[in-house]
Amino acid sequence: MVNRERSGGCKERRVICDEARPNCDRCELHWTRLHPSSFQLPPGRDLDSSRGFFENLAPALLDQRHDSALTLVVSAVSESFLALWQEGARSMQVQRRSFNQAMQRLRTAVLNPTERRSPATFLVVLVMQFHESLAAIYTRRKPSRIHYSGAEALLPLSKLKDGEKVQSAHITRFMASAEVPSATREGRPVPPTAFRWLYNSDYGSVPLNLGAFLADLLSLSLVNNASDNIPPSEEESKPWHP
């Protein structure tokens, strides 16, 4: 990093330090030899990795209204986890007012053909499932997958615009990844649709992270090989409605 501030000697001579050769008095005093880095830091995870829930959530929130279903449910879940951090597991309860407002707004979105196929609508349901899964861990109970089943029901109804394909592709691939812990916990094979979610021909133009793809494909295959064909429980067979 170039020393942008003049050293003591430069100030006395009333000259500007030569940024092309920053071996001024201050640099030598601190035994510092400045030179360009010979290596590059590995890039952080981004949307192209197709993995991780929050990297899908952040871009979708950028163009949401303050009273949208996605904004409301994120606010409710955030307040819930803030209470968990401050007060412990006993406070792991979603904020009902914001959550109920999000549910009402979600019902309206599902009935609207345009909003129903929006990636933001899928994310509302997945945020609800995210909270349900973590709340089950802290409250030591069996998690329900009712919201996840709702996201599955919405996928065939979607007819995405070209501008939404990238985000929708990553959300769909995330759902395939989420099937692995769910199927492992419930001792069941993953449905064939999970493999289609992992690589959908409709998203052929969207960049695919090969490492993430192979890891998910291997995980789905291992779960199928290790699981018996267990009939769904009564809870899993319930129809989903927002």
C-alpha atoms as a PDB file:
ATOM      1  CA  MET A   1       0.000   0.000   0.000  1.00  0.00           C
ATOM      2  CA  VAL A   2       1.421   3.373  -1.021  1.00  0.00           C
ATOM      3  CA  ASN A   3       2.098   5.895   1.735  1.00  0.00           C
ATOM      4  CA  ARG A   4      -0.333   8.662   0.798  1.00  0.00           C
ATOM      5  CA  GLU A   5       0.841  11.047   3.502  1.00  0.00           C
ATOM      6  CA  ARG A   6       4.105  12.964   3.267  1.00  0.00           C
ATOM      7  CA  SER A   7       6.906  11.869   5.558  1.00  0.00           C
ATOM      8  CA  GLY A   8       8.705  14.224   7.895  1.00  0.00           C
ATOM      9  CA  GLY A   9      11.592  14.778   5.472  1.00  0.00           C
ATOM     10  CA  CYS A  10       9.272  15.558   2.592  1.00  0.00           C
ATOM     11  CA  LYS A  11       7.394  18.061   4.704  1.00  0.00           C
ATOM     12  CA  GLU A  12      10.608  19.854   5.619  1.00  0.00           C
ATOM     13  CA  ARG A  13      11.647  20.013   1.950  1.00  0.00           C
ATOM     14  CA  ARG A  14       8.089  20.997   0.983  1.00  0.00           C
ATOM     15  CA  VAL A  15       7.897  18.341  -1.724  1.00  0.00           C
ATOM     16  CA  ILE A  16       5.362  15.606  -2.491  1.00  0.00           C
ATOM     17  CA  CYS A  17       6.394  12.029  -1.787  1.00  0.00           C
ATOM     18  CA  ASP A  18       7.054  10.053  -4.959  1.00  0.00           C
ATOM     19  CA  GLU A  19       4.218   7.529  -4.995  1.00  0.00           C
ATOM     20  CA  ALA A  20       5.977   5.494  -7.658  1.00  0.00           C
ATOM     21  CA  ARG A  21       8.872   4.958  -5.278  1.00  0.00           C
ATOM     22  CA  PRO A  22       7.455   5.122  -1.730  1.00  0.00           C
ATOM     23  CA  ASN A  23      10.744   4.432   0.085  1.00  0.00           C
ATOM     24  CA  CYS A  24      10.507   7.667   2.012  1.00  0.00           C
ATOM     25  CA  ASP A  25      11.829   8.214   5.525  1.00  0.00           C
ATOM     26  CA  ARG A  26       8.685   7.013   7.237  1.00  0.00           C
ATOM     27  CA  CYS A  27       8.667   3.737   5.304  1.00  0.00           C
ATOM     28  CA  GLU A  28      12.315   3.013   6.080  1.00  0.00           C
ATOM     29  CA  LEU A  29      11.830   3.996   9.705  1.00  0.00           C
ATOM     30  CA  HIS A  30       9.188   1.282  10.125  1.00  0.00           C
ATOM     31  CA  TRP A  31      11.203  -1.305   8.173  1.00  0.00           C
ATOM     32  CA  THR A  32       8.510  -1.403   5.522  1.00  0.00           C
ATOM     33  CA  ARG A  33       9.192  -2.211   1.900  1.00  0.00           C
ATOM     34  CA  LEU A  34       6.081  -1.572  -0.136  1.00  0.00           C
ATOM     35  CA  HIS A  35       5.601  -3.549  -3.329  1.00  0.00           C
ATOM     36  CA  PRO A  36       2.659  -4.924  -5.327  1.00  0.00           C
ATOM     37  CA  SER A  37       1.180  -8.119  -3.986  1.00  0.00           C
ATOM     38  CA  SER A  38       2.359 -11.205  -5.854  1.00  0.00           C
ATOM     39  CA  PHE A  39      -0.813 -13.171  -5.163  1.00  0.00           C
ATOM     40  CA  GLN A  40      -4.559 -12.647  -5.278  1.00  0.00           C
ATOM     41  CA  LEU A  41      -6.959 -13.429  -2.482  1.00  0.00           C
ATOM     42  CA  PRO A  42      -9.555 -16.050  -3.408  1.00  0.00           C
ATOM     43  CA  PRO A  43     -12.886 -14.436  -4.259  1.00  0.00           C
ATOM     44  CA  GLY A  44     -15.654 -14.663  -1.692  1.00  0.00           C
ATOM     45  CA  ARG A  45     -18.827 -16.607  -2.283  1.00  0.00           C
ATOM     46  CA  ASP A  46     -21.340 -14.878  -4.492  1.00  0.00           C
ATOM     47  CA  LEU A  47     -24.520 -15.701  -6.350  1.00  0.00           C
ATOM     48  CA  ASP A  48     -22.621 -17.760  -8.931  1.00  0.00           C
ATOM     49  CA  SER A  49     -21.707 -20.338  -6.289  1.00  0.00           C
ATOM     50  CA  SER A  50     -25.342 -21.546  -6.248  1.00  0.00           C
ATOM     51  CA  ARG A  51     -24.927 -22.395  -2.584  1.00  0.00           C
ATOM     52  CA  GLY A  52     -26.075 -20.659   0.562  1.00  0.00           C
ATOM     53  CA  PHE A  53     -29.415 -19.180   1.509  1.00  0.00           C
ATOM     54  CA  PHE A  54     -28.508 -15.600   2.334  1.00  0.00           C
ATOM     55  CA  GLU A  55     -26.640 -14.929  -0.906  1.00  0.00           C
ATOM     56  CA  ASN A  56     -29.978 -15.489  -2.665  1.00  0.00           C
ATOM     57  CA  LEU A  57     -31.880 -13.379  -0.172  1.00  0.00           C
ATOM     58  CA  ALA A  58     -29.827 -10.182  -0.263  1.00  0.00           C
ATOM     59  CA  PRO A  59     -30.244  -9.338  -3.988  1.00  0.00           C
ATOM     60  CA  ALA A  60     -34.002  -9.920  -3.811  1.00  0.00           C
ATOM     61  CA  LEU A  61     -34.429  -7.457  -0.946  1.00  0.00           C
ATOM     62  CA  LEU A  62     -32.932  -4.582  -2.906  1.00  0.00           C
ATOM     63  CA  ASP A  63     -36.096  -3.829  -4.899  1.00  0.00           C
ATOM     64  CA  GLN A  64     -38.716  -4.780  -2.293  1.00  0.00           C
ATOM     65  CA  ARG A  65     -41.211  -2.366  -0.772  1.00  0.00           C
ATOM     66  CA  HIS A  66     -41.198  -1.864   2.991  1.00  0.00           C
ATOM     67  CA  ASP A  67     -44.579  -3.616   3.239  1.00  0.00           C
ATOM     68  CA  SER A  68     -43.809  -6.523   0.902  1.00  0.00           C
ATOM     69  CA  ALA A  69     -44.133 -10.091   2.141  1.00  0.00           C
ATOM     70  CA  LEU A  70     -40.385 -10.672   1.881  1.00  0.00           C
ATOM     71  CA  THR A  71     -39.500  -7.538   3.844  1.00  0.00           C
ATOM     72  CA  LEU A  72     -42.044  -8.332   6.546  1.00  0.00           C
ATOM     73  CA  VAL A  73     -40.977 -11.944   7.026  1.00  0.00           C
ATOM     74  CA  VAL A  74     -37.271 -11.039   7.102  1.00  0.00           C
ATOM     75  CA  SER A  75     -38.051  -8.411   9.739  1.00  0.00           C
ATOM     76  CA  ALA A  76     -40.017 -10.898  11.843  1.00  0.00           C
ATOM     77  CA  VAL A  77     -37.344 -13.589  11.669  1.00  0.00           C
ATOM     78  CA  SER A  78     -34.574 -11.058  12.382  1.00  0.00           C
ATOM     79  CA  GLU A  79     -36.362  -9.899  15.528  1.00  0.00           C
ATOM     80  CA  SER A  80     -36.753 -13.515  16.572  1.00  0.00           C
ATOM     81  CA  PHE A  81     -33.034 -14.246  16.270  1.00  0.00           C
ATOM     82  CA  LEU A  82     -32.138 -10.995  18.000  1.00  0.00           C
ATOM     83  CA  ALA A  83     -34.263 -12.109  20.951  1.00  0.00           C
ATOM     84  CA  LEU A  84     -32.541 -15.508  20.842  1.00  0.00           C
ATOM     85  CA  TRP A  85     -29.119 -13.854  21.028  1.00  0.00           C
ATOM     86  CA  GLN A  86     -30.144 -11.552  23.878  1.00  0.00           C
ATOM     87  CA  GLU A  87     -32.331 -13.841  25.989  1.00  0.00           C
ATOM     88  CA  GLY A  88     -31.529 -17.419  25.006  1.00  0.00           C
ATOM     89  CA  ALA A  89     -33.454 -20.328  23.521  1.00  0.00           C
ATOM     90  CA  ARG A  90     -36.591 -19.710  25.588  1.00  0.00           C
ATOM     91  CA  SER A  91     -37.225 -16.559  23.548  1.00  0.00           C
ATOM     92  CA  MET A  92     -37.034 -18.425  20.214  1.00  0.00           C
ATOM     93  CA  GLN A  93     -40.457 -17.310  19.082  1.00  0.00           C
ATOM     94  CA  VAL A  94     -41.140 -15.552  15.816  1.00  0.00           C
ATOM     95  CA  GLN A  95     -42.667 -12.097  16.138  1.00  0.00           C
ATOM     96  CA  ARG A  96     -46.306 -12.931  15.492  1.00  0.00           C
ATOM     97  CA  ARG A  97     -47.489  -9.515  14.329  1.00  0.00           C
ATOM     98  CA  SER A  98     -44.922  -9.141  11.545  1.00  0.00           C
ATOM     99  CA  PHE A  99     -45.157 -12.830  10.711  1.00  0.00           C
ATOM    100  CA  ASN A 100     -48.948 -12.705  10.368  1.00  0.00           C
ATOM    101  CA  GLN A 101     -48.685  -9.621   8.171  1.00  0.00           C
ATOM    102  CA  ALA A 102     -46.220 -11.490   5.963  1.00  0.00           C
ATOM    103  CA  MET A 103     -48.583 -14.480   5.761  1.00  0.00           C
ATOM    104  CA  GLN A 104     -51.466 -12.256   4.682  1.00  0.00           C
ATOM    105  CA  ARG A 105     -49.290 -10.570   2.093  1.00  0.00           C
ATOM    106  CA  LEU A 106     -48.083 -13.976   0.862  1.00  0.00           C
ATOM    107  CA  ARG A 107     -51.661 -15.166   0.338  1.00  0.00           C
ATOM    108  CA  THR A 108     -52.285 -12.136  -1.844  1.00  0.00           C
ATOM    109  CA  ALA A 109     -49.086 -12.789  -3.814  1.00  0.00           C
ATOM    110  CA  VAL A 110     -49.942 -16.448  -4.447  1.00  0.00           C
ATOM    111  CA  LEU A 111     -53.310 -15.457  -5.913  1.00  0.00           C
ATOM    112  CA  ASN A 112     -51.670 -12.945  -8.246  1.00  0.00           C
ATOM    113  CA  PRO A 113     -50.245 -14.664 -11.382  1.00  0.00           C
ATOM    114  CA  THR A 114     -47.447 -12.110 -11.714  1.00  0.00           C
ATOM    115  CA  GLU A 115     -46.315 -12.192  -8.085  1.00  0.00           C
ATOM    116  CA  ARG A 116     -46.739 -15.959  -7.864  1.00  0.00           C
ATOM    117  CA  ARG A 117     -43.898 -16.556 -10.310  1.00  0.00           C
ATOM    118  CA  SER A 118     -41.592 -13.964  -8.750  1.00  0.00           C
ATOM    119  CA  PRO A 119     -38.406 -15.216  -7.021  1.00  0.00           C
ATOM    120  CA  ALA A 120     -39.306 -13.023  -4.041  1.00  0.00           C
ATOM    121  CA  THR A 121     -42.427 -15.116  -3.419  1.00  0.00           C
ATOM    122  CA  PHE A 122     -40.365 -18.314  -3.283  1.00  0.00           C
ATOM    123  CA  LEU A 123     -37.977 -16.658  -0.864  1.00  0.00           C
ATOM    124  CA  VAL A 124     -40.792 -15.683   1.507  1.00  0.00           C
ATOM    125  CA  VAL A 125     -41.730 -19.342   1.875  1.00  0.00           C
ATOM    126  CA  LEU A 126     -38.092 -20.408   2.226  1.00  0.00           C
ATOM    127  CA  VAL A 127     -37.434 -17.797   4.927  1.00  0.00           C
ATOM    128  CA  MET A 128     -40.379 -19.234   6.861  1.00  0.00           C
ATOM    129  CA  GLN A 129     -38.899 -22.720   6.468  1.00  0.00           C
ATOM    130  CA  PHE A 130     -35.466 -21.448   7.503  1.00  0.00           C
ATOM    131  CA  HIS A 131     -36.912 -20.102  10.744  1.00  0.00           C
ATOM    132  CA  GLU A 132     -38.924 -23.274  11.343  1.00  0.00           C
ATOM    133  CA  SER A 133     -35.856 -25.493  10.943  1.00  0.00           C
ATOM    134  CA  LEU A 134     -33.668 -23.484  13.329  1.00  0.00           C
ATOM    135  CA  ALA A 135     -36.453 -22.943  15.837  1.00  0.00           C
ATOM    136  CA  ALA A 136     -36.938 -26.713  15.975  1.00  0.00           C
ATOM    137  CA  ILE A 137     -33.274 -27.150  16.899  1.00  0.00           C
ATOM    138  CA  TYR A 138     -33.386 -24.637  19.747  1.00  0.00           C
ATOM    139  CA  THR A 139     -36.761 -25.836  21.062  1.00  0.00           C
ATOM    140  CA  ARG A 140     -35.797 -29.520  20.694  1.00  0.00           C
ATOM    141  CA  ARG A 141     -38.711 -30.627  18.575  1.00  0.00           C
ATOM    142  CA  LYS A 142     -39.160 -32.247  15.197  1.00  0.00           C
ATOM    143  CA  PRO A 143     -39.111 -29.632  12.430  1.00  0.00           C
ATOM    144  CA  SER A 144     -41.997 -29.367  10.015  1.00  0.00           C
ATOM    145  CA  ARG A 145     -41.369 -29.088   6.284  1.00  0.00           C
ATOM    146  CA  ILE A 146     -44.761 -27.562   5.509  1.00  0.00           C
ATOM    147  CA  HIS A 147     -43.281 -24.326   4.116  1.00  0.00           C
ATOM    148  CA  TYR A 148     -40.740 -26.215   2.044  1.00  0.00           C
ATOM    149  CA  SER A 149     -43.569 -28.259   0.548  1.00  0.00           C
ATOM    150  CA  GLY A 150     -45.235 -24.968  -0.324  1.00  0.00           C
ATOM    151  CA  ALA A 151     -42.147 -23.844  -2.214  1.00  0.00           C
ATOM    152  CA  GLU A 152     -42.188 -27.148  -4.093  1.00  0.00           C
ATOM    153  CA  ALA A 153     -45.822 -26.551  -5.032  1.00  0.00           C
ATOM    154  CA  LEU A 154     -45.051 -23.075  -6.358  1.00  0.00           C
ATOM    155  CA  LEU A 155     -42.174 -24.120  -8.625  1.00  0.00           C
ATOM    156  CA  PRO A 156     -44.239 -25.804 -11.396  1.00  0.00           C
ATOM    157  CA  LEU A 157     -46.521 -22.755 -11.551  1.00  0.00           C
ATOM    158  CA  SER A 158     -43.727 -20.327 -12.302  1.00  0.00           C
ATOM    159  CA  LYS A 159     -43.038 -18.933 -15.751  1.00  0.00           C
ATOM    160  CA  LEU A 160     -40.034 -16.755 -15.177  1.00  0.00           C
ATOM    161  CA  LYS A 161     -38.963 -13.718 -17.114  1.00  0.00           C
ATOM    162  CA  ASP A 162     -35.525 -13.697 -18.712  1.00  0.00           C
ATOM    163  CA  GLY A 163     -34.296 -11.081 -16.244  1.00  0.00           C
ATOM    164  CA  GLU A 164     -35.204 -13.329 -13.305  1.00  0.00           C
ATOM    165  CA  LYS A 165     -33.636 -16.560 -14.549  1.00  0.00           C
ATOM    166  CA  VAL A 166     -30.291 -16.146 -12.792  1.00  0.00           C
ATOM    167  CA  GLN A 167     -31.791 -15.581  -9.362  1.00  0.00           C
ATOM    168  CA  SER A 168     -34.438 -18.263  -9.866  1.00  0.00           C
ATOM    169  CA  ALA A 169     -31.825 -20.785 -10.982  1.00  0.00           C
ATOM    170  CA  HIS A 170     -29.839 -20.311  -7.775  1.00  0.00           C
ATOM    171  CA  ILE A 171     -32.964 -20.524  -5.628  1.00  0.00           C
ATOM    172  CA  THR A 172     -33.961 -23.767  -7.351  1.00  0.00           C
ATOM    173  CA  ARG A 173     -30.487 -25.237  -6.888  1.00  0.00           C
ATOM    174  CA  PHE A 174     -30.569 -24.205  -3.239  1.00  0.00           C
ATOM    175  CA  MET A 175     -33.806 -26.175  -2.825  1.00  0.00           C
ATOM    176  CA  ALA A 176     -32.039 -29.239  -4.206  1.00  0.00           C
ATOM    177  CA  SER A 177     -29.268 -28.743  -1.634  1.00  0.00           C
ATOM    178  CA  ALA A 178     -31.815 -28.335   1.159  1.00  0.00           C
ATOM    179  CA  GLU A 179     -33.331 -31.713   0.313  1.00  0.00           C
ATOM    180  CA  VAL A 180     -30.203 -33.488   1.561  1.00  0.00           C
ATOM    181  CA  PRO A 181     -30.453 -32.643   5.310  1.00  0.00           C
ATOM    182  CA  SER A 182     -34.241 -32.913   5.193  1.00  0.00           C
ATOM    183  CA  ALA A 183     -34.204 -36.402   3.667  1.00  0.00           C
ATOM    184  CA  THR A 184     -31.379 -37.511   5.965  1.00  0.00           C
ATOM    185  CA  ARG A 185     -33.250 -36.339   9.063  1.00  0.00           C
ATOM    186  CA  GLU A 186     -36.480 -38.032   7.994  1.00  0.00           C
ATOM    187  CA  GLY A 187     -34.835 -41.236   6.733  1.00  0.00           C
ATOM    188  CA  ARG A 188     -36.379 -41.050   3.278  1.00  0.00           C
ATOM    189  CA  PRO A 189     -35.019 -40.913  -0.264  1.00  0.00           C
ATOM    190  CA  VAL A 190     -34.950 -37.597  -2.055  1.00  0.00           C
ATOM    191  CA  PRO A 191     -37.652 -37.137  -4.700  1.00  0.00           C
ATOM    192  CA  PRO A 192     -36.667 -37.346  -8.383  1.00  0.00           C
ATOM    193  CA  THR A 193     -37.569 -33.673  -8.736  1.00  0.00           C
ATOM    194  CA  ALA A 194     -34.520 -32.727  -6.643  1.00  0.00           C
ATOM    195  CA  PHE A 195     -32.219 -33.943  -9.408  1.00  0.00           C
ATOM    196  CA  ARG A 196     -34.151 -31.875 -11.960  1.00  0.00           C
ATOM    197  CA  TRP A 197     -33.855 -28.824  -9.700  1.00  0.00           C
ATOM    198  CA  LEU A 198     -30.117 -29.301  -9.524  1.00  0.00           C
ATOM    199  CA  TYR A 199     -29.759 -28.909 -13.262  1.00  0.00           C
ATOM    200  CA  ASN A 200     -32.793 -27.521 -15.059  1.00  0.00           C
ATOM    201  CA  SER A 201     -32.519 -27.111 -18.825  1.00  0.00           C
ATOM    202  CA  ASP A 202     -34.519 -23.880 -18.536  1.00  0.00           C
ATOM    203  CA  TYR A 203     -31.502 -22.368 -16.765  1.00  0.00           C
ATOM    204  CA  GLY A 204     -28.918 -23.655 -19.222  1.00  0.00           C
ATOM    205  CA  SER A 205     -27.575 -20.155 -19.842  1.00  0.00           C
ATOM    206  CA  VAL A 206     -26.967 -19.535 -16.121  1.00  0.00           C
ATOM    207  CA  PRO A 207     -23.353 -20.236 -15.005  1.00  0.00           C
ATOM    208  CA  LEU A 208     -23.023 -23.438 -12.997  1.00  0.00           C
ATOM    209  CA  ASN A 209     -20.462 -23.863 -10.222  1.00  0.00           C
ATOM    210  CA  LEU A 210     -19.050 -27.291 -11.023  1.00  0.00           C
ATOM    211  CA  GLY A 211     -17.770 -27.983  -7.506  1.00  0.00           C
ATOM    212  CA  ALA A 212     -21.098 -27.147  -5.875  1.00  0.00           C
ATOM    213  CA  PHE A 213     -22.978 -29.112  -8.536  1.00  0.00           C
ATOM    214  CA  LEU A 214     -20.899 -32.271  -8.045  1.00  0.00           C
ATOM    215  CA  ALA A 215     -21.110 -32.002  -4.247  1.00  0.00           C
ATOM    216  CA  ASP A 216     -24.901 -31.714  -4.369  1.00  0.00           C
ATOM    217  CA  LEU A 217     -25.219 -34.512  -6.917  1.00  0.00           C
ATOM    218  CA  LEU A 218     -23.071 -36.815  -4.776  1.00  0.00           C
ATOM    219  CA  SER A 219     -25.021 -35.924  -1.618  1.00  0.00           C
ATOM    220  CA  LEU A 220     -28.383 -36.591  -3.258  1.00  0.00           C
ATOM    221  CA  SER A 221     -27.149 -39.936  -4.585  1.00  0.00           C
ATOM    222  CA  LEU A 222     -25.722 -41.015  -1.209  1.00  0.00           C
ATOM    223  CA  VAL A 223     -28.955 -40.163   0.611  1.00  0.00           C
ATOM    224  CA  ASN A 224     -30.942 -42.208  -1.896  1.00  0.00           C
ATOM    225  CA  ASN A 225     -28.627 -45.194  -1.513  1.00  0.00           C
ATOM    226  CA  ALA A 226     -28.700 -45.050   2.292  1.00  0.00           C
ATOM    227  CA  SER A 227     -32.443 -44.531   2.738  1.00  0.00           C
ATOM    228  CA  ASP A 228     -35.272 -47.010   2.751  1.00  0.00           C
ATOM    229  CA  ASN A 229     -38.513 -46.243   0.995  1.00  0.00           C
ATOM    230  CA  ILE A 230     -40.351 -45.007   4.084  1.00  0.00           C
ATOM    231  CA  PRO A 231     -43.959 -43.853   3.518  1.00  0.00           C
ATOM    232  CA  PRO A 232     -44.523 -40.172   4.287  1.00  0.00           C
ATOM    233  CA  SER A 233     -45.786 -39.293   7.725  1.00  0.00           C
ATOM    234  CA  GLU A 234     -49.185 -37.778   8.332  1.00  0.00           C
ATOM    235  CA  GLU A 235     -47.635 -34.351   8.785  1.00  0.00           C
ATOM    236  CA  GLU A 236     -45.779 -34.535   5.458  1.00  0.00           C
ATOM    237  CA  SER A 237     -48.958 -35.468   3.565  1.00  0.00           C
ATOM    238  CA  LYS A 238     -50.834 -32.340   4.628  1.00  0.00           C
ATOM    239  CA  PRO A 239     -51.602 -29.936   1.763  1.00  0.00           C
ATOM    240  CA  TRP A 240     -49.775 -26.626   1.904  1.00  0.00           C
ATOM    241  CA  HIS A 241     -51.505 -23.292   1.946  1.00  0.00           C
ATOM    242  CA  PRO A 242     -50.117 -19.895   3.032  1.00  0.00           C
END
